[in-house]
Protein backbone atom coordinates (compact mmCIF):
# COMPACT_ATOMS: atom_id res chain seq x y z
CA MET A 1 1.41 -33.61 -28.27
CA GLU A 2 0.80 -30.83 -30.79
CA ARG A 3 -0.17 -33.43 -33.39
CA ASN A 4 -3.06 -34.63 -31.21
CA ASP A 5 -4.33 -31.19 -30.22
CA PRO A 6 -2.71 -28.09 -31.71
CA ARG A 7 -4.20 -25.88 -28.97
CA ALA A 8 -2.58 -27.85 -26.14
CA ARG A 9 0.26 -25.40 -25.58
CA SER A 10 -1.40 -22.13 -26.37
CA ASP A 11 -3.84 -19.71 -24.87
CA ALA A 12 -5.82 -16.78 -26.23
CA TYR A 13 -2.61 -14.77 -26.71
CA GLY A 14 -0.52 -17.43 -28.43
CA SER A 15 2.16 -19.64 -27.04
CA ARG A 16 2.47 -19.85 -23.27
CA ILE A 17 5.96 -21.25 -23.29
CA ASN A 18 8.03 -18.28 -24.36
CA ARG A 19 6.14 -15.47 -22.66
CA SER A 20 7.56 -13.69 -19.66
CA HIS A 21 6.56 -10.83 -17.42
CA SER A 22 7.96 -7.39 -18.04
CA PRO A 23 10.77 -6.59 -15.60
CA LEU A 24 9.98 -2.89 -16.00
CA LEU A 25 6.35 -3.33 -14.90
CA ALA A 26 7.33 -5.80 -12.19
CA ASN A 27 9.58 -3.20 -10.58
CA ILE A 28 7.62 0.00 -11.24
CA ILE A 29 4.03 -0.90 -10.34
CA PRO A 30 4.46 -1.18 -6.54
CA TRP A 31 6.42 2.06 -6.27
CA ALA A 32 4.24 4.01 -8.72
CA SER A 33 0.99 2.88 -7.10
CA ILE A 34 2.15 4.13 -3.69
CA LEU A 35 3.35 7.44 -5.13
CA ILE A 36 0.08 8.01 -7.01
CA ALA A 37 -1.92 7.11 -3.89
CA SER A 38 0.08 9.68 -1.95
CA LEU A 39 -1.02 12.31 -4.46
CA LEU A 40 -4.73 11.38 -4.55
CA PRO A 41 -5.83 13.07 -1.28
CA ILE A 42 -4.86 16.42 -2.82
CA PHE A 43 -7.81 16.15 -5.21
CA ALA A 44 -10.41 15.59 -2.47
CA VAL A 45 -12.85 18.31 -1.59
CA ALA A 46 -11.62 20.46 1.27
CA ALA A 47 -13.61 20.03 4.45
CA ALA A 48 -13.31 21.12 8.05
CA LEU A 49 -12.68 17.53 9.16
CA PRO A 50 -10.10 15.13 7.73
CA MET A 51 -12.11 12.53 5.82
CA VAL A 52 -9.73 11.10 3.23
CA PRO A 53 -7.65 8.25 4.61
CA PRO A 54 -3.87 8.25 4.11
CA LEU A 55 -4.01 6.27 0.86
CA GLY A 56 -0.25 6.18 0.23
CA PHE A 57 0.38 4.80 3.70
CA MET A 58 -2.42 2.27 3.28
CA LEU A 59 -0.97 1.07 -0.02
CA LEU A 60 2.47 0.77 1.57
CA ILE A 61 1.04 -1.42 4.33
CA ALA A 62 -1.01 -3.44 1.83
CA TRP A 63 1.94 -4.08 -0.48
CA ARG A 64 4.08 -5.11 2.47
CA LEU A 65 1.43 -7.44 3.92
CA VAL A 66 0.08 -8.89 0.66
CA ARG A 67 3.49 -9.37 -1.01
CA PRO A 68 6.09 -9.65 1.78
CA GLY A 69 9.63 -9.14 0.62
CA LEU A 70 8.69 -7.23 -2.52
CA LEU A 71 9.52 -3.80 -1.11
CA PRO A 72 12.82 -3.54 0.75
CA VAL A 73 12.79 -2.37 4.35
CA TRP A 74 14.46 0.92 3.39
CA ALA A 75 11.57 1.76 0.99
CA GLY A 76 9.81 3.68 3.75
CA PHE A 77 12.38 6.48 3.53
CA PRO A 78 12.02 7.56 -0.14
CA LEU A 79 8.27 6.88 -0.25
CA GLY A 80 7.77 8.79 3.00
CA LEU A 81 9.88 11.64 1.64
CA PHE A 82 7.58 11.89 -1.38
CA ASP A 83 4.49 11.74 0.84
CA ASP A 84 5.88 14.47 3.08
CA LEU A 85 5.98 16.83 0.12
CA TYR A 86 2.21 16.54 -0.45
CA SER A 87 0.57 15.45 2.81
CA GLY A 88 0.57 18.70 4.76
CA GLN A 89 2.12 17.08 7.82
CA PRO A 90 5.40 18.44 9.25
CA PHE A 91 8.34 17.48 7.06
CA GLY A 92 9.90 14.24 8.27
CA PHE A 93 6.69 12.80 9.73
CA ALA A 94 6.07 10.31 6.93
CA ILE A 95 9.78 9.54 6.58
CA LEU A 96 9.95 8.51 10.22
CA THR A 97 6.60 6.74 10.51
CA TRP A 98 6.81 4.89 7.19
CA SER A 99 10.34 3.70 7.99
CA VAL A 100 9.30 2.54 11.47
CA VAL A 101 6.23 0.79 10.04
CA MET A 102 8.39 -1.06 7.51
CA LEU A 103 10.63 -2.24 10.37
CA VAL A 104 7.64 -3.27 12.48
CA ILE A 105 6.10 -5.25 9.62
CA GLU A 106 9.46 -6.92 9.02
CA LEU A 107 9.51 -7.98 12.68
CA ILE A 108 5.95 -9.31 12.38
CA GLU A 109 6.94 -11.21 9.22
CA ASN A 110 9.86 -12.82 11.01
CA ARG A 111 7.77 -13.75 14.04
CA TRP A 112 4.59 -14.94 12.27
CA PRO A 113 5.38 -15.83 8.65
CA TRP A 114 2.03 -17.57 8.07
CA ARG A 115 -0.96 -15.38 8.76
CA ALA A 116 -4.57 -15.14 7.71
CA PHE A 117 -6.14 -12.04 6.21
CA TRP A 118 -7.89 -11.05 9.44
CA GLN A 119 -4.49 -10.91 11.16
CA ASP A 120 -3.16 -8.68 8.39
CA TRP A 121 -6.26 -6.50 8.72
CA PHE A 122 -5.77 -6.29 12.49
CA THR A 123 -2.11 -5.35 11.98
CA ALA A 124 -3.10 -2.68 9.47
CA CYS A 125 -5.75 -1.32 11.87
CA ILE A 126 -3.23 -0.99 14.68
CA LEU A 127 -0.64 0.67 12.41
CA LEU A 128 -3.22 3.02 10.87
CA SER A 129 -4.58 4.04 14.27
CA ILE A 130 -1.08 4.80 15.57
CA TYR A 131 -0.26 6.71 12.37
CA LEU A 132 -3.41 8.82 12.57
CA LEU A 133 -3.02 9.45 16.30
CA VAL A 134 0.62 10.53 15.98
CA GLY A 135 -0.27 12.63 12.94
CA TRP A 136 -3.04 14.30 14.95
CA LEU A 137 -0.64 15.04 17.82
CA LEU A 138 2.10 16.41 15.57
CA SER A 139 -0.12 18.35 13.18
CA GLY A 140 0.46 21.66 14.92
CA ALA A 141 -3.15 22.07 16.01
CA THR A 142 -4.12 22.15 19.66
CA PRO A 143 -4.99 18.58 20.66
CA THR A 144 -8.47 18.78 22.17
CA LEU A 145 -11.26 16.28 22.59
CA HIS A 146 -13.22 17.89 19.76
CA SER A 147 -10.31 17.61 17.33
CA LEU A 148 -9.82 13.97 18.37
CA ILE A 149 -13.47 13.29 17.62
CA GLY A 150 -12.88 14.96 14.25
CA VAL A 151 -10.26 12.32 13.37
CA VAL A 152 -12.66 9.42 14.10
CA PRO A 153 -14.39 9.44 10.65
CA GLN A 154 -11.00 9.26 8.91
CA PHE A 155 -9.98 6.42 11.21
CA VAL A 156 -13.21 4.45 10.62
CA LEU A 157 -13.04 4.96 6.86
CA SER A 158 -9.40 3.85 6.81
CA ILE A 159 -10.20 0.64 8.64
CA LEU A 160 -13.25 -0.13 6.52
CA ILE A 161 -11.58 0.35 3.14
CA PHE A 162 -8.37 -1.52 3.93
CA PRO A 163 -9.75 -4.82 2.52
CA LEU A 164 -10.53 -2.98 -0.73
CA ILE A 165 -7.01 -1.56 -0.80
CA ALA A 166 -5.58 -5.04 -0.21
CA ARG A 167 -7.76 -6.41 -3.04
CA MET A 168 -6.56 -3.60 -5.30
CA VAL A 169 -2.95 -4.46 -4.44
CA GLY A 170 -3.69 -8.08 -5.39
CA TRP A 171 -5.03 -6.86 -8.73
CA PHE A 172 -1.92 -4.68 -9.22
CA ASP A 173 0.21 -7.72 -8.41
CA ASP A 174 -1.56 -9.76 -11.08
CA LEU A 175 -0.96 -6.93 -13.54
CA ARG A 176 2.67 -6.72 -12.44
CA LEU A 177 3.30 -10.42 -13.12
CA ARG A 178 1.19 -10.80 -16.27
CA ARG A 179 3.06 -12.37 -19.17
CA TRP A 180 3.52 -9.68 -21.76
CA LYS A 181 6.55 -10.22 -23.92
CA ARG A 182 8.30 -12.98 -25.78
CA VAL A 183 11.65 -14.13 -24.48
């Protein structure tokens, strides 16, 4: 075949046959993206109302829904532990909620293995609303109607940017599985 067209088995980077993805990138990118997203709300401007969505939690949900089976069920514990160090919530909140969310998504995966994106978005909206509501109740502040109304912008922003987060996870997944090295 190469005699007829020498470009038949090559692409812009050379031969396609003996290229493989990097196992290091394939394993590190999901974990590192969630850890970095857990750190990003620290750099937001301080305001009286919580505006920045829980980006680490959103990336955890997105990775689990976009690429089921990539993160193990126990991943909620170490990732939640890291998030607890920087989130400002009581210690153990993210450990518990992230672990429970991983178990809930696993149950959803077993019950409905084939879903559309709107179902994933609906699942993420329910999980995000429960996460924000429980975080509001356990934050240590007095739960009043005014403080509940103060959480609404964070809730709305979280729901509206989840498709962007899921798209970003898809881009990270393409980067994770890109063929980089020769075998």
